[in-house]
């Protein structure tokens, strides 16, 4: 986790399949998140009687707002890629077959 937080270049991630618990919370530390249309997300901490990890109780509200974050963390309900995009957790939803070809369009050099 320290490597992810301390990384000095933009972090681009692709989510395919299930992102459960840490697979979802780590996204709050990424700059661009692309999800395949069949991706599934869940933060099941309430069912496990554990605290959200990776600082997500702070980073999630900062990214998507307190009310939306509370819904995800306190209810622990699964949600799909479209909902993740609506919430602002995902940059863009793309067809599964195009997921790994997706990349941000930027100008300049991030070296």
N, C-alpha and C. Protein backbone atom coordinates (compact mmCIF):
# COMPACT_ATOMS: atom_id res chain seq x y z
N UNK A 1 0.82 -1.19 0.00
CA UNK A 1 0.00 0.00 0.00
C UNK A 1 0.86 1.25 0.00
N UNK A 2 1.97 1.24 0.73
CA UNK A 2 2.85 2.41 0.75
C UNK A 2 3.38 2.72 -0.65
N UNK A 3 3.71 1.70 -1.41
CA UNK A 3 4.20 1.91 -2.77
C UNK A 3 3.14 2.58 -3.62
N UNK A 4 1.91 2.20 -3.45
CA UNK A 4 0.81 2.79 -4.22
C UNK A 4 0.62 4.25 -3.83
N UNK A 5 0.58 4.54 -2.54
CA UNK A 5 0.37 5.91 -2.06
C UNK A 5 1.55 6.82 -2.40
N UNK A 6 2.75 6.30 -2.31
CA UNK A 6 3.96 7.11 -2.53
C UNK A 6 4.38 7.21 -3.99
N UNK A 7 3.73 6.49 -4.88
CA UNK A 7 4.14 6.49 -6.28
C UNK A 7 4.04 7.90 -6.85
N UNK A 8 5.05 8.33 -7.59
CA UNK A 8 5.11 9.74 -8.03
C UNK A 8 4.63 9.98 -9.46
N UNK A 9 4.00 8.99 -10.05
CA UNK A 9 3.42 9.15 -11.39
C UNK A 9 1.94 8.79 -11.32
N UNK A 10 1.16 9.23 -12.30
CA UNK A 10 -0.26 8.87 -12.30
C UNK A 10 -0.43 7.34 -12.36
N UNK A 11 -1.38 6.85 -11.60
CA UNK A 11 -1.65 5.41 -11.54
C UNK A 11 -2.91 5.13 -12.34
N UNK A 12 -2.78 4.25 -13.33
CA UNK A 12 -3.89 3.87 -14.20
C UNK A 12 -4.21 2.40 -13.93
N UNK A 13 -5.47 2.11 -13.62
CA UNK A 13 -5.86 0.73 -13.31
C UNK A 13 -7.01 0.27 -14.19
N UNK A 14 -7.04 -1.03 -14.42
CA UNK A 14 -8.14 -1.67 -15.13
C UNK A 14 -8.78 -2.67 -14.19
N UNK A 15 -10.10 -2.62 -14.07
CA UNK A 15 -10.83 -3.55 -13.20
C UNK A 15 -11.64 -4.48 -14.09
N UNK A 16 -11.35 -5.75 -13.94
CA UNK A 16 -12.09 -6.77 -14.69
C UNK A 16 -12.48 -7.86 -13.71
N UNK A 17 -13.72 -8.30 -13.75
CA UNK A 17 -14.16 -9.31 -12.79
C UNK A 17 -14.61 -8.66 -11.50
N UNK A 18 -14.28 -9.30 -10.37
CA UNK A 18 -14.73 -8.83 -9.07
C UNK A 18 -13.65 -8.05 -8.35
N UNK A 19 -14.02 -6.90 -7.80
CA UNK A 19 -13.14 -6.09 -6.93
C UNK A 19 -13.86 -6.00 -5.60
N UNK A 20 -13.45 -6.86 -4.67
CA UNK A 20 -14.14 -6.98 -3.39
C UNK A 20 -13.21 -6.50 -2.27
N UNK A 21 -13.73 -5.70 -1.36
CA UNK A 21 -12.93 -5.22 -0.23
C UNK A 21 -11.77 -4.37 -0.70
N UNK A 22 -10.55 -4.85 -0.45
CA UNK A 22 -9.34 -4.13 -0.83
C UNK A 22 -9.26 -3.85 -2.32
N UNK A 23 -9.85 -4.70 -3.13
CA UNK A 23 -9.88 -4.47 -4.58
C UNK A 23 -10.66 -3.23 -4.95
N UNK A 24 -11.62 -2.87 -4.12
CA UNK A 24 -12.38 -1.63 -4.34
C UNK A 24 -11.73 -0.46 -3.62
N UNK A 25 -11.32 -0.66 -2.38
CA UNK A 25 -10.79 0.48 -1.62
C UNK A 25 -9.49 1.01 -2.20
N UNK A 26 -8.68 0.17 -2.80
CA UNK A 26 -7.43 0.65 -3.38
C UNK A 26 -7.67 1.62 -4.53
N UNK A 27 -8.84 1.56 -5.15
CA UNK A 27 -9.14 2.43 -6.28
C UNK A 27 -9.17 3.90 -5.89
N UNK A 28 -9.42 4.17 -4.61
CA UNK A 28 -9.46 5.58 -4.17
C UNK A 28 -8.09 6.22 -4.19
N UNK A 29 -7.04 5.42 -4.34
CA UNK A 29 -5.67 5.94 -4.39
C UNK A 29 -5.13 5.98 -5.82
N UNK A 30 -6.00 5.73 -6.80
CA UNK A 30 -5.58 5.69 -8.21
C UNK A 30 -6.08 6.93 -8.95
N UNK A 31 -5.35 7.31 -9.98
CA UNK A 31 -5.70 8.51 -10.73
C UNK A 31 -6.72 8.26 -11.83
N UNK A 32 -6.60 7.14 -12.51
CA UNK A 32 -7.54 6.75 -13.56
C UNK A 32 -7.96 5.31 -13.31
N UNK A 33 -9.27 5.08 -13.30
CA UNK A 33 -9.79 3.74 -13.08
C UNK A 33 -10.74 3.41 -14.23
N UNK A 34 -10.37 2.42 -15.02
CA UNK A 34 -11.21 1.95 -16.11
C UNK A 34 -11.77 0.59 -15.72
N UNK A 35 -13.07 0.42 -15.89
CA UNK A 35 -13.71 -0.83 -15.51
C UNK A 35 -14.38 -1.46 -16.71
N UNK A 36 -14.20 -2.76 -16.83
CA UNK A 36 -14.95 -3.51 -17.84
C UNK A 36 -16.42 -3.49 -17.46
N UNK A 37 -17.28 -3.54 -18.45
CA UNK A 37 -18.71 -3.42 -18.19
C UNK A 37 -19.26 -4.52 -17.29
N UNK A 38 -18.58 -5.65 -17.18
CA UNK A 38 -19.07 -6.74 -16.31
C UNK A 38 -18.42 -6.72 -14.93
N UNK A 39 -17.60 -5.72 -14.63
CA UNK A 39 -16.94 -5.65 -13.32
C UNK A 39 -17.97 -5.51 -12.20
N UNK A 40 -17.66 -6.12 -11.07
CA UNK A 40 -18.51 -6.07 -9.88
C UNK A 40 -17.69 -5.57 -8.70
N UNK A 41 -18.29 -4.78 -7.85
CA UNK A 41 -17.61 -4.17 -6.72
C UNK A 41 -18.40 -4.44 -5.45
N UNK A 42 -17.67 -4.48 -4.33
CA UNK A 42 -18.34 -4.62 -3.04
C UNK A 42 -17.36 -4.28 -1.93
N UNK A 43 -17.89 -3.64 -0.89
CA UNK A 43 -17.11 -3.33 0.31
C UNK A 43 -17.81 -4.05 1.47
N UNK A 44 -17.48 -5.31 1.72
CA UNK A 44 -18.24 -6.14 2.67
C UNK A 44 -17.82 -6.01 4.14
N UNK A 45 -17.20 -4.92 4.51
CA UNK A 45 -16.63 -4.78 5.85
C UNK A 45 -17.67 -4.93 6.94
N UNK A 46 -18.86 -4.41 6.75
CA UNK A 46 -19.91 -4.47 7.76
C UNK A 46 -20.28 -5.92 8.05
N UNK A 47 -20.33 -6.76 7.02
CA UNK A 47 -20.67 -8.17 7.20
C UNK A 47 -19.56 -8.94 7.90
N UNK A 48 -18.35 -8.46 7.76
CA UNK A 48 -17.19 -9.13 8.36
C UNK A 48 -16.83 -8.57 9.73
N UNK A 49 -17.51 -7.52 10.14
CA UNK A 49 -17.26 -6.84 11.41
C UNK A 49 -15.82 -6.34 11.51
N UNK A 50 -15.33 -5.77 10.39
CA UNK A 50 -13.99 -5.19 10.36
C UNK A 50 -14.07 -3.77 9.81
N UNK A 51 -13.04 -3.00 10.07
CA UNK A 51 -12.96 -1.64 9.56
C UNK A 51 -12.48 -1.64 8.11
N UNK A 52 -12.94 -0.69 7.31
CA UNK A 52 -12.42 -0.58 5.95
C UNK A 52 -10.91 -0.32 5.97
N UNK A 53 -10.19 -0.97 5.04
CA UNK A 53 -8.74 -0.83 5.04
C UNK A 53 -8.25 0.22 4.06
N UNK A 54 -6.94 0.39 4.06
CA UNK A 54 -6.24 1.31 3.15
C UNK A 54 -6.68 2.75 3.30
N UNK A 55 -7.16 3.12 4.49
CA UNK A 55 -7.58 4.50 4.72
C UNK A 55 -8.85 4.88 3.98
N UNK A 56 -9.61 3.89 3.55
CA UNK A 56 -10.78 4.18 2.71
C UNK A 56 -11.91 4.88 3.47
N UNK A 57 -11.93 4.79 4.80
CA UNK A 57 -12.96 5.54 5.53
C UNK A 57 -12.72 7.04 5.41
N UNK A 58 -11.52 7.43 4.99
CA UNK A 58 -11.20 8.83 4.74
C UNK A 58 -11.14 9.13 3.23
N UNK A 59 -10.46 8.26 2.47
CA UNK A 59 -10.27 8.52 1.04
C UNK A 59 -11.55 8.36 0.22
N UNK A 60 -12.42 7.44 0.61
CA UNK A 60 -13.67 7.26 -0.15
C UNK A 60 -14.59 8.47 -0.05
N UNK A 61 -14.87 9.00 1.16
CA UNK A 61 -15.69 10.21 1.23
C UNK A 61 -15.04 11.39 0.50
N UNK A 62 -13.71 11.47 0.55
CA UNK A 62 -13.03 12.56 -0.16
C UNK A 62 -13.23 12.44 -1.67
N UNK A 63 -13.32 11.23 -2.15
CA UNK A 63 -13.45 11.02 -3.59
C UNK A 63 -14.90 11.10 -4.07
N UNK A 64 -15.85 10.51 -3.33
CA UNK A 64 -17.23 10.43 -3.84
C UNK A 64 -18.26 11.13 -2.97
N UNK A 65 -17.84 11.67 -1.83
CA UNK A 65 -18.77 12.34 -0.93
C UNK A 65 -19.18 11.45 0.24
N UNK A 66 -19.51 12.10 1.35
CA UNK A 66 -19.81 11.39 2.60
C UNK A 66 -21.03 10.47 2.48
N UNK A 67 -22.12 10.97 1.93
CA UNK A 67 -23.36 10.18 1.87
C UNK A 67 -23.18 8.94 1.00
N UNK A 68 -22.56 9.11 -0.15
CA UNK A 68 -22.34 7.96 -1.05
C UNK A 68 -21.37 6.96 -0.42
N UNK A 69 -20.33 7.47 0.22
CA UNK A 69 -19.36 6.58 0.87
C UNK A 69 -20.02 5.80 2.01
N UNK A 70 -20.84 6.48 2.79
CA UNK A 70 -21.54 5.81 3.89
C UNK A 70 -22.42 4.69 3.37
N UNK A 71 -23.08 4.93 2.26
CA UNK A 71 -23.93 3.88 1.67
C UNK A 71 -23.11 2.64 1.31
N UNK A 72 -21.96 2.85 0.68
CA UNK A 72 -21.13 1.71 0.28
C UNK A 72 -20.54 0.99 1.48
N UNK A 73 -20.03 1.74 2.44
CA UNK A 73 -19.35 1.14 3.59
C UNK A 73 -20.34 0.54 4.59
N UNK A 74 -21.41 1.25 4.90
CA UNK A 74 -22.32 0.81 5.96
C UNK A 74 -23.34 -0.23 5.50
N UNK A 75 -23.67 -0.25 4.23
CA UNK A 75 -24.60 -1.26 3.75
C UNK A 75 -23.89 -2.48 3.16
N UNK A 76 -22.72 -2.28 2.59
CA UNK A 76 -21.96 -3.40 2.05
C UNK A 76 -22.60 -4.08 0.86
N UNK A 77 -23.47 -3.38 0.16
CA UNK A 77 -24.16 -3.99 -0.98
C UNK A 77 -23.28 -4.02 -2.22
N UNK A 78 -23.41 -5.05 -3.05
CA UNK A 78 -22.64 -5.09 -4.30
C UNK A 78 -23.16 -4.04 -5.28
N UNK A 79 -22.28 -3.58 -6.16
CA UNK A 79 -22.68 -2.65 -7.21
C UNK A 79 -21.88 -2.94 -8.47
N UNK A 80 -22.42 -2.50 -9.59
CA UNK A 80 -21.78 -2.81 -10.86
C UNK A 80 -20.93 -1.63 -11.36
N UNK A 81 -20.31 -1.84 -12.50
CA UNK A 81 -19.40 -0.84 -13.06
C UNK A 81 -20.11 0.48 -13.37
N UNK A 82 -21.33 0.40 -13.89
CA UNK A 82 -22.07 1.63 -14.20
C UNK A 82 -22.31 2.46 -12.93
N UNK A 83 -22.69 1.79 -11.86
CA UNK A 83 -22.91 2.50 -10.59
C UNK A 83 -21.60 3.07 -10.06
N UNK A 84 -20.51 2.32 -10.20
CA UNK A 84 -19.20 2.81 -9.77
C UNK A 84 -18.83 4.10 -10.53
N UNK A 85 -19.16 4.15 -11.80
CA UNK A 85 -18.90 5.35 -12.60
C UNK A 85 -19.80 6.51 -12.15
N UNK A 86 -21.07 6.21 -11.89
CA UNK A 86 -22.00 7.25 -11.41
C UNK A 86 -21.51 7.85 -10.09
N UNK A 87 -20.95 7.00 -9.24
CA UNK A 87 -20.47 7.45 -7.94
C UNK A 87 -19.17 8.24 -8.03
N UNK A 88 -18.44 8.08 -9.13
CA UNK A 88 -17.15 8.75 -9.29
C UNK A 88 -15.97 7.91 -8.85
N UNK A 89 -16.21 6.63 -8.59
CA UNK A 89 -15.14 5.72 -8.20
C UNK A 89 -14.38 5.23 -9.42
N UNK A 90 -15.05 5.21 -10.55
CA UNK A 90 -14.48 4.73 -11.82
C UNK A 90 -14.48 5.87 -12.82
N UNK A 91 -13.38 6.02 -13.53
CA UNK A 91 -13.25 7.07 -14.55
C UNK A 91 -14.17 6.81 -15.73
N UNK A 92 -14.15 5.58 -16.20
CA UNK A 92 -14.94 5.23 -17.39
C UNK A 92 -15.20 3.73 -17.40
N UNK A 93 -16.37 3.35 -17.92
CA UNK A 93 -16.72 1.95 -18.14
C UNK A 93 -16.55 1.68 -19.63
N UNK A 94 -15.86 0.61 -19.95
CA UNK A 94 -15.60 0.25 -21.34
C UNK A 94 -16.00 -1.20 -21.58
N UNK A 95 -16.24 -1.57 -22.83
CA UNK A 95 -16.54 -2.97 -23.12
C UNK A 95 -15.39 -3.86 -22.63
N UNK A 96 -15.75 -5.01 -22.06
CA UNK A 96 -14.74 -5.91 -21.49
C UNK A 96 -13.60 -6.20 -22.45
N UNK A 97 -13.92 -6.43 -23.72
CA UNK A 97 -12.89 -6.80 -24.69
C UNK A 97 -11.94 -5.65 -25.02
N UNK A 98 -12.31 -4.40 -24.69
CA UNK A 98 -11.46 -3.24 -24.96
C UNK A 98 -10.75 -2.72 -23.71
N UNK A 99 -10.96 -3.38 -22.57
CA UNK A 99 -10.48 -2.84 -21.30
C UNK A 99 -8.98 -2.59 -21.27
N UNK A 100 -8.19 -3.57 -21.62
CA UNK A 100 -6.74 -3.40 -21.50
C UNK A 100 -6.15 -2.49 -22.57
N UNK A 101 -6.91 -2.22 -23.62
CA UNK A 101 -6.45 -1.27 -24.64
C UNK A 101 -6.78 0.17 -24.26
N UNK A 102 -7.65 0.34 -23.27
CA UNK A 102 -8.07 1.68 -22.84
C UNK A 102 -6.93 2.37 -22.10
N UNK A 103 -6.71 3.61 -22.39
CA UNK A 103 -5.71 4.39 -21.68
C UNK A 103 -6.09 5.86 -21.75
N UNK A 104 -5.67 6.63 -20.76
CA UNK A 104 -6.03 8.04 -20.77
C UNK A 104 -5.33 8.77 -21.91
N UNK A 105 -5.97 9.78 -22.43
CA UNK A 105 -5.38 10.61 -23.48
C UNK A 105 -4.78 11.83 -22.79
N UNK A 106 -3.48 11.94 -22.80
CA UNK A 106 -2.84 13.07 -22.14
C UNK A 106 -1.85 13.72 -23.08
N UNK A 107 -1.52 14.92 -22.75
CA UNK A 107 -0.50 15.67 -23.49
C UNK A 107 0.73 15.75 -22.61
N UNK A 108 1.84 15.75 -23.24
CA UNK A 108 3.07 15.90 -22.47
C UNK A 108 3.66 14.56 -22.08
N UNK A 109 4.61 14.64 -21.19
CA UNK A 109 5.37 13.45 -20.80
C UNK A 109 5.33 13.32 -19.28
N UNK A 110 4.92 12.15 -18.78
CA UNK A 110 4.85 11.91 -17.35
C UNK A 110 6.06 11.15 -16.84
N UNK A 111 7.17 11.25 -17.50
CA UNK A 111 8.36 10.52 -17.06
C UNK A 111 8.91 11.19 -15.90
